[in-house]
Amino acid sequence: MKHRLEIISGEGRGKELGFPTLNFKVTEDFSYQFGVYAGWVTLGDERYPAAIHYGPIPVFGEYFPALEAHVIDQVLTGEFKEAELEIDEYIRDVKSVKAKELIKQITEDVKKIKKILEV
C-alpha cells in the first residue's frame, strides 16, 4: 500500500550511524504493526528501495511511534517536503538492542531487504 507522507526533521542519529533516514509524520490512517519493513520511497519522479522502521526506538529511550526510511545505496541531496512510502514486506519486530549492536542489526536488515526487493 502506498502512503503520501510529510517529511519531518529527525534527530540525525541515523546519519551518525551511517544509515541516514527520512523521517515522516505519522498519519492516523497508518495502521501497520510496529516493525521493520522492506519497501520503496518515491521522491519526485525517482523510486528507491528502502528499509522502513515504524514504532518506538527503545535503544534511544523513545517509546512513541516513529516512522523512518533508510533509502538503500543512495545519497539524497536536496530538500524534500513529502514522499510516497510503499511498504512491501514485514521483516521483523522492533528490538531493544544495545547501541553498539544497532549498526550490525541494521546492516543485516538492509542485506535481507535488498534480496527481497531484488536490488
N, C-alpha and C. Protein backbone atom coordinates (compact mmCIF):
# COMPACT_ATOMS: atom_id res chain seq x y z
N MET A 1 0.83 -1.17 0.00
CA MET A 1 0.00 0.00 0.00
C MET A 1 0.88 1.25 0.00
N LYS A 2 0.46 2.26 -0.73
CA LYS A 2 1.23 3.50 -0.83
C LYS A 2 0.62 4.57 0.06
N HIS A 3 1.51 5.38 0.64
CA HIS A 3 1.11 6.48 1.51
C HIS A 3 1.89 7.73 1.12
N ARG A 4 1.21 8.84 0.89
CA ARG A 4 1.89 10.10 0.68
C ARG A 4 2.01 10.76 2.04
N LEU A 5 3.26 11.01 2.46
CA LEU A 5 3.51 11.48 3.81
C LEU A 5 4.41 12.71 3.83
N GLU A 6 4.20 13.53 4.83
CA GLU A 6 5.03 14.71 5.06
C GLU A 6 6.36 14.28 5.68
N ILE A 7 7.45 14.82 5.17
CA ILE A 7 8.78 14.58 5.73
C ILE A 7 9.02 15.61 6.83
N ILE A 8 9.49 15.12 7.97
CA ILE A 8 9.77 15.99 9.11
C ILE A 8 11.24 15.86 9.51
N SER A 9 11.70 16.78 10.32
CA SER A 9 13.09 16.72 10.80
C SER A 9 13.25 15.62 11.82
N GLY A 10 14.39 14.95 11.76
CA GLY A 10 14.72 13.92 12.74
C GLY A 10 15.85 14.39 13.62
N GLU A 11 16.38 13.48 14.40
CA GLU A 11 17.46 13.79 15.34
C GLU A 11 18.84 13.68 14.70
N GLY A 12 18.94 13.08 13.51
CA GLY A 12 20.23 12.92 12.84
C GLY A 12 21.01 11.71 13.30
N ARG A 13 20.40 10.86 14.13
CA ARG A 13 21.14 9.70 14.64
C ARG A 13 21.41 8.66 13.55
N GLY A 14 20.48 8.48 12.62
CA GLY A 14 20.70 7.53 11.53
C GLY A 14 21.92 7.90 10.71
N LYS A 15 22.05 9.16 10.43
CA LYS A 15 23.20 9.65 9.66
C LYS A 15 24.50 9.38 10.42
N GLU A 16 24.48 9.61 11.74
CA GLU A 16 25.67 9.36 12.57
C GLU A 16 26.05 7.88 12.55
N LEU A 17 25.06 7.00 12.41
CA LEU A 17 25.32 5.55 12.38
C LEU A 17 25.71 5.04 10.99
N GLY A 18 25.60 5.91 9.98
CA GLY A 18 25.90 5.51 8.61
C GLY A 18 24.67 5.06 7.83
N PHE A 19 23.49 5.28 8.41
CA PHE A 19 22.23 4.91 7.78
C PHE A 19 21.26 6.08 7.88
N PRO A 20 21.49 7.15 7.10
CA PRO A 20 20.60 8.31 7.18
C PRO A 20 19.17 7.92 6.83
N THR A 21 18.22 8.59 7.47
CA THR A 21 16.81 8.28 7.22
C THR A 21 16.02 9.52 6.87
N LEU A 22 14.94 9.27 6.15
CA LEU A 22 13.88 10.26 6.01
C LEU A 22 12.90 9.97 7.14
N ASN A 23 12.46 11.00 7.81
CA ASN A 23 11.52 10.85 8.92
C ASN A 23 10.18 11.39 8.47
N PHE A 24 9.12 10.68 8.84
CA PHE A 24 7.78 11.02 8.36
C PHE A 24 6.84 11.33 9.51
N LYS A 25 5.90 12.22 9.23
CA LYS A 25 4.81 12.48 10.17
C LYS A 25 3.84 11.31 10.05
N VAL A 26 3.55 10.67 11.18
CA VAL A 26 2.65 9.51 11.19
C VAL A 26 1.21 10.01 11.13
N THR A 27 0.48 9.53 10.14
CA THR A 27 -0.92 9.91 9.99
C THR A 27 -1.82 8.88 10.68
N GLU A 28 -3.05 9.29 10.97
CA GLU A 28 -4.00 8.41 11.68
C GLU A 28 -4.34 7.16 10.89
N ASP A 29 -4.29 7.23 9.56
CA ASP A 29 -4.65 6.06 8.75
C ASP A 29 -3.47 5.10 8.52
N PHE A 30 -2.32 5.38 9.12
CA PHE A 30 -1.17 4.49 9.00
C PHE A 30 -1.34 3.40 10.06
N SER A 31 -1.77 2.22 9.63
CA SER A 31 -2.22 1.20 10.59
C SER A 31 -1.39 -0.08 10.55
N TYR A 32 -0.11 0.03 10.39
CA TYR A 32 0.75 -1.14 10.38
C TYR A 32 1.18 -1.50 11.80
N GLN A 33 1.55 -2.77 12.00
CA GLN A 33 2.11 -3.15 13.29
C GLN A 33 3.53 -2.61 13.36
N PHE A 34 4.02 -2.39 14.57
CA PHE A 34 5.38 -1.92 14.74
C PHE A 34 6.34 -2.95 14.18
N GLY A 35 7.39 -2.48 13.51
CA GLY A 35 8.39 -3.39 12.98
C GLY A 35 9.25 -2.75 11.92
N VAL A 36 10.05 -3.60 11.28
CA VAL A 36 10.93 -3.20 10.18
C VAL A 36 10.37 -3.83 8.91
N TYR A 37 10.35 -3.05 7.83
CA TYR A 37 9.73 -3.47 6.58
C TYR A 37 10.67 -3.22 5.40
N ALA A 38 10.50 -4.01 4.35
CA ALA A 38 11.11 -3.75 3.05
C ALA A 38 10.09 -2.93 2.27
N GLY A 39 10.57 -1.91 1.57
CA GLY A 39 9.64 -1.11 0.79
C GLY A 39 10.34 -0.14 -0.13
N TRP A 40 9.60 0.86 -0.53
CA TRP A 40 10.08 1.83 -1.52
C TRP A 40 9.72 3.24 -1.07
N VAL A 41 10.58 4.18 -1.44
CA VAL A 41 10.33 5.60 -1.22
C VAL A 41 10.39 6.27 -2.59
N THR A 42 9.37 7.04 -2.91
CA THR A 42 9.37 7.82 -4.14
C THR A 42 9.50 9.29 -3.78
N LEU A 43 10.55 9.91 -4.33
CA LEU A 43 10.81 11.34 -4.15
C LEU A 43 10.79 11.96 -5.54
N GLY A 44 9.82 12.81 -5.79
CA GLY A 44 9.67 13.37 -7.13
C GLY A 44 9.35 12.25 -8.10
N ASP A 45 10.20 12.09 -9.12
CA ASP A 45 9.99 11.04 -10.12
C ASP A 45 10.85 9.81 -9.88
N GLU A 46 11.61 9.79 -8.80
CA GLU A 46 12.54 8.69 -8.54
C GLU A 46 12.02 7.78 -7.43
N ARG A 47 12.09 6.46 -7.69
CA ARG A 47 11.66 5.44 -6.73
C ARG A 47 12.89 4.68 -6.24
N TYR A 48 13.04 4.59 -4.90
CA TYR A 48 14.23 4.00 -4.31
C TYR A 48 13.85 2.86 -3.36
N PRO A 49 14.67 1.80 -3.28
CA PRO A 49 14.44 0.76 -2.28
C PRO A 49 14.75 1.32 -0.89
N ALA A 50 14.01 0.82 0.10
CA ALA A 50 14.17 1.38 1.43
C ALA A 50 13.97 0.35 2.53
N ALA A 51 14.69 0.56 3.64
CA ALA A 51 14.47 -0.15 4.89
C ALA A 51 13.61 0.79 5.74
N ILE A 52 12.44 0.33 6.12
CA ILE A 52 11.47 1.19 6.82
C ILE A 52 11.30 0.70 8.25
N HIS A 53 11.36 1.63 9.19
CA HIS A 53 11.14 1.33 10.61
C HIS A 53 9.91 2.09 11.07
N TYR A 54 9.00 1.37 11.71
CA TYR A 54 7.82 2.01 12.30
C TYR A 54 7.67 1.50 13.73
N GLY A 55 7.66 2.41 14.66
CA GLY A 55 7.47 2.04 16.05
C GLY A 55 8.40 2.81 16.97
N PRO A 56 8.47 2.37 18.21
CA PRO A 56 9.35 3.03 19.17
C PRO A 56 10.81 2.76 18.83
N ILE A 57 11.68 3.55 19.43
CA ILE A 57 13.12 3.37 19.24
C ILE A 57 13.74 3.19 20.63
N PRO A 58 13.58 1.99 21.20
CA PRO A 58 13.99 1.79 22.59
C PRO A 58 15.48 2.00 22.84
N VAL A 59 16.31 1.75 21.83
CA VAL A 59 17.76 1.93 22.02
C VAL A 59 18.09 3.38 22.38
N PHE A 60 17.23 4.33 21.98
CA PHE A 60 17.44 5.74 22.31
C PHE A 60 16.42 6.24 23.33
N GLY A 61 15.73 5.32 23.99
CA GLY A 61 14.78 5.69 25.05
C GLY A 61 13.52 6.37 24.54
N GLU A 62 13.16 6.10 23.29
CA GLU A 62 11.95 6.71 22.71
C GLU A 62 10.89 5.63 22.56
N TYR A 63 9.73 5.87 23.16
CA TYR A 63 8.69 4.85 23.17
C TYR A 63 7.42 5.30 22.45
N PHE A 64 7.47 6.44 21.79
CA PHE A 64 6.36 6.86 20.94
C PHE A 64 6.67 6.38 19.52
N PRO A 65 5.64 6.14 18.70
CA PRO A 65 5.91 5.60 17.36
C PRO A 65 6.58 6.61 16.44
N ALA A 66 7.68 6.16 15.84
CA ALA A 66 8.39 6.93 14.83
C ALA A 66 8.26 6.18 13.51
N LEU A 67 8.30 6.91 12.41
CA LEU A 67 8.26 6.31 11.08
C LEU A 67 9.41 6.90 10.29
N GLU A 68 10.33 6.02 9.86
CA GLU A 68 11.50 6.49 9.15
C GLU A 68 11.91 5.48 8.09
N ALA A 69 12.58 5.97 7.07
CA ALA A 69 13.02 5.10 5.97
C ALA A 69 14.47 5.43 5.61
N HIS A 70 15.28 4.38 5.54
CA HIS A 70 16.65 4.50 5.05
C HIS A 70 16.62 4.12 3.57
N VAL A 71 16.93 5.07 2.72
CA VAL A 71 16.98 4.81 1.28
C VAL A 71 18.30 4.09 1.01
N ILE A 72 18.19 2.88 0.46
CA ILE A 72 19.34 1.98 0.31
C ILE A 72 20.23 2.38 -0.87
N ASP A 73 21.53 2.46 -0.58
CA ASP A 73 22.57 2.71 -1.59
C ASP A 73 22.38 4.02 -2.36
N GLN A 74 21.86 5.02 -1.70
CA GLN A 74 21.69 6.34 -2.32
C GLN A 74 22.12 7.43 -1.35
N VAL A 75 22.67 8.48 -1.90
CA VAL A 75 22.93 9.69 -1.13
C VAL A 75 21.94 10.72 -1.66
N LEU A 76 20.98 11.08 -0.84
CA LEU A 76 19.95 12.02 -1.27
C LEU A 76 20.44 13.45 -1.09
N THR A 77 20.20 14.26 -2.08
CA THR A 77 20.53 15.68 -1.98
C THR A 77 19.26 16.47 -2.22
N GLY A 78 19.21 17.63 -1.67
CA GLY A 78 18.04 18.47 -1.85
C GLY A 78 17.08 18.37 -0.68
N GLU A 79 16.16 19.29 -0.67
CA GLU A 79 15.15 19.34 0.38
C GLU A 79 13.85 18.77 -0.16
N PHE A 80 13.27 17.86 0.59
CA PHE A 80 12.00 17.26 0.20
C PHE A 80 10.98 17.50 1.30
N LYS A 81 9.77 17.87 0.90
CA LYS A 81 8.71 18.13 1.88
C LYS A 81 7.78 16.95 2.07
N GLU A 82 7.70 16.09 1.04
CA GLU A 82 6.87 14.91 1.16
C GLU A 82 7.41 13.81 0.26
N ALA A 83 6.96 12.60 0.53
CA ALA A 83 7.38 11.44 -0.25
C ALA A 83 6.25 10.43 -0.25
N GLU A 84 6.33 9.51 -1.20
CA GLU A 84 5.40 8.40 -1.22
C GLU A 84 6.13 7.20 -0.62
N LEU A 85 5.51 6.60 0.37
CA LEU A 85 6.09 5.45 1.05
C LEU A 85 5.25 4.22 0.71
N GLU A 86 5.92 3.19 0.23
CA GLU A 86 5.25 1.95 -0.18
C GLU A 86 5.86 0.80 0.63
N ILE A 87 5.03 0.14 1.42
CA ILE A 87 5.50 -0.96 2.25
C ILE A 87 5.19 -2.27 1.55
N ASP A 88 6.23 -3.10 1.37
CA ASP A 88 6.08 -4.37 0.67
C ASP A 88 6.01 -5.56 1.61
N GLU A 89 6.99 -5.69 2.50
CA GLU A 89 7.07 -6.92 3.29
C GLU A 89 7.59 -6.65 4.70
N TYR A 90 6.92 -7.26 5.67
CA TYR A 90 7.34 -7.21 7.07
C TYR A 90 8.61 -8.04 7.24
N ILE A 91 9.60 -7.50 7.95
CA ILE A 91 10.88 -8.17 8.15
C ILE A 91 11.01 -8.73 9.57
N ARG A 92 10.75 -7.87 10.57
CA ARG A 92 10.93 -8.29 11.95
C ARG A 92 10.28 -7.30 12.91
N ASP A 93 10.21 -7.73 14.18
CA ASP A 93 9.72 -6.86 15.24
C ASP A 93 10.77 -5.80 15.58
N VAL A 94 10.32 -4.74 16.24
CA VAL A 94 11.24 -3.76 16.81
C VAL A 94 11.96 -4.44 17.96
N LYS A 95 13.27 -4.32 17.99
CA LYS A 95 14.08 -4.94 19.04
C LYS A 95 14.70 -3.87 19.92
N SER A 96 14.92 -4.23 21.16
CA SER A 96 15.66 -3.37 22.06
C SER A 96 17.08 -3.92 22.13
N VAL A 97 17.96 -3.33 21.34
CA VAL A 97 19.36 -3.77 21.32
C VAL A 97 20.23 -2.66 21.90
N LYS A 98 21.44 -3.02 22.24
CA LYS A 98 22.39 -2.01 22.71
C LYS A 98 22.85 -1.18 21.52
N ALA A 99 23.21 0.05 21.76
CA ALA A 99 23.59 0.98 20.68
C ALA A 99 24.68 0.39 19.79
N LYS A 100 25.68 -0.28 20.37
CA LYS A 100 26.78 -0.83 19.56
C LYS A 100 26.32 -1.99 18.69
N GLU A 101 25.21 -2.65 19.03
CA GLU A 101 24.66 -3.74 18.23
C GLU A 101 23.74 -3.24 17.11
N LEU A 102 23.35 -1.98 17.20
CA LEU A 102 22.39 -1.42 16.26
C LEU A 102 22.91 -1.41 14.83
N ILE A 103 24.15 -1.01 14.62
CA ILE A 103 24.73 -0.97 13.27
C ILE A 103 24.72 -2.36 12.65
N LYS A 104 25.10 -3.37 13.42
CA LYS A 104 25.09 -4.75 12.92
C LYS A 104 23.68 -5.17 12.54
N GLN A 105 22.69 -4.85 13.37
CA GLN A 105 21.30 -5.22 13.09
C GLN A 105 20.79 -4.53 11.83
N ILE A 106 21.07 -3.24 11.69
CA ILE A 106 20.61 -2.51 10.50
C ILE A 106 21.29 -3.06 9.25
N THR A 107 22.57 -3.37 9.34
CA THR A 107 23.30 -3.95 8.21
C THR A 107 22.65 -5.25 7.76
N GLU A 108 22.30 -6.11 8.71
CA GLU A 108 21.61 -7.37 8.39
C GLU A 108 20.25 -7.11 7.76
N ASP A 109 19.51 -6.14 8.31
CA ASP A 109 18.19 -5.80 7.77
C ASP A 109 18.30 -5.34 6.32
N VAL A 110 19.25 -4.45 6.05
CA VAL A 110 19.42 -3.92 4.69
C VAL A 110 19.79 -5.03 3.72
N LYS A 111 20.67 -5.93 4.13
CA LYS A 111 21.06 -7.05 3.28
C LYS A 111 19.84 -7.91 2.93
N LYS A 112 19.03 -8.21 3.91
CA LYS A 112 17.82 -9.01 3.70
C LYS A 112 16.83 -8.27 2.79
N ILE A 113 16.66 -6.99 3.03
CA ILE A 113 15.72 -6.18 2.23
C ILE A 113 16.17 -6.10 0.78
N LYS A 114 17.47 -5.96 0.54
CA LYS A 114 17.97 -5.93 -0.85
C LYS A 114 17.63 -7.21 -1.58
N LYS A 115 17.71 -8.34 -0.91
CA LYS A 115 17.35 -9.62 -1.53
C LYS A 115 15.86 -9.65 -1.83
N ILE A 116 15.04 -9.23 -0.88
CA ILE A 116 13.59 -9.25 -1.05
C ILE A 116 13.17 -8.37 -2.22
N LEU A 117 13.76 -7.16 -2.28
CA LEU A 117 13.38 -6.20 -3.33
C LEU A 117 14.16 -6.42 -4.62
N GLU A 118 15.09 -7.37 -4.59
CA GLU A 118 15.91 -7.71 -5.76
C GLU A 118 16.68 -6.51 -6.32
N VAL A 119 17.39 -5.85 -5.39
CA VAL A 119 18.24 -4.69 -5.80
C VAL A 119 19.68 -4.96 -5.43
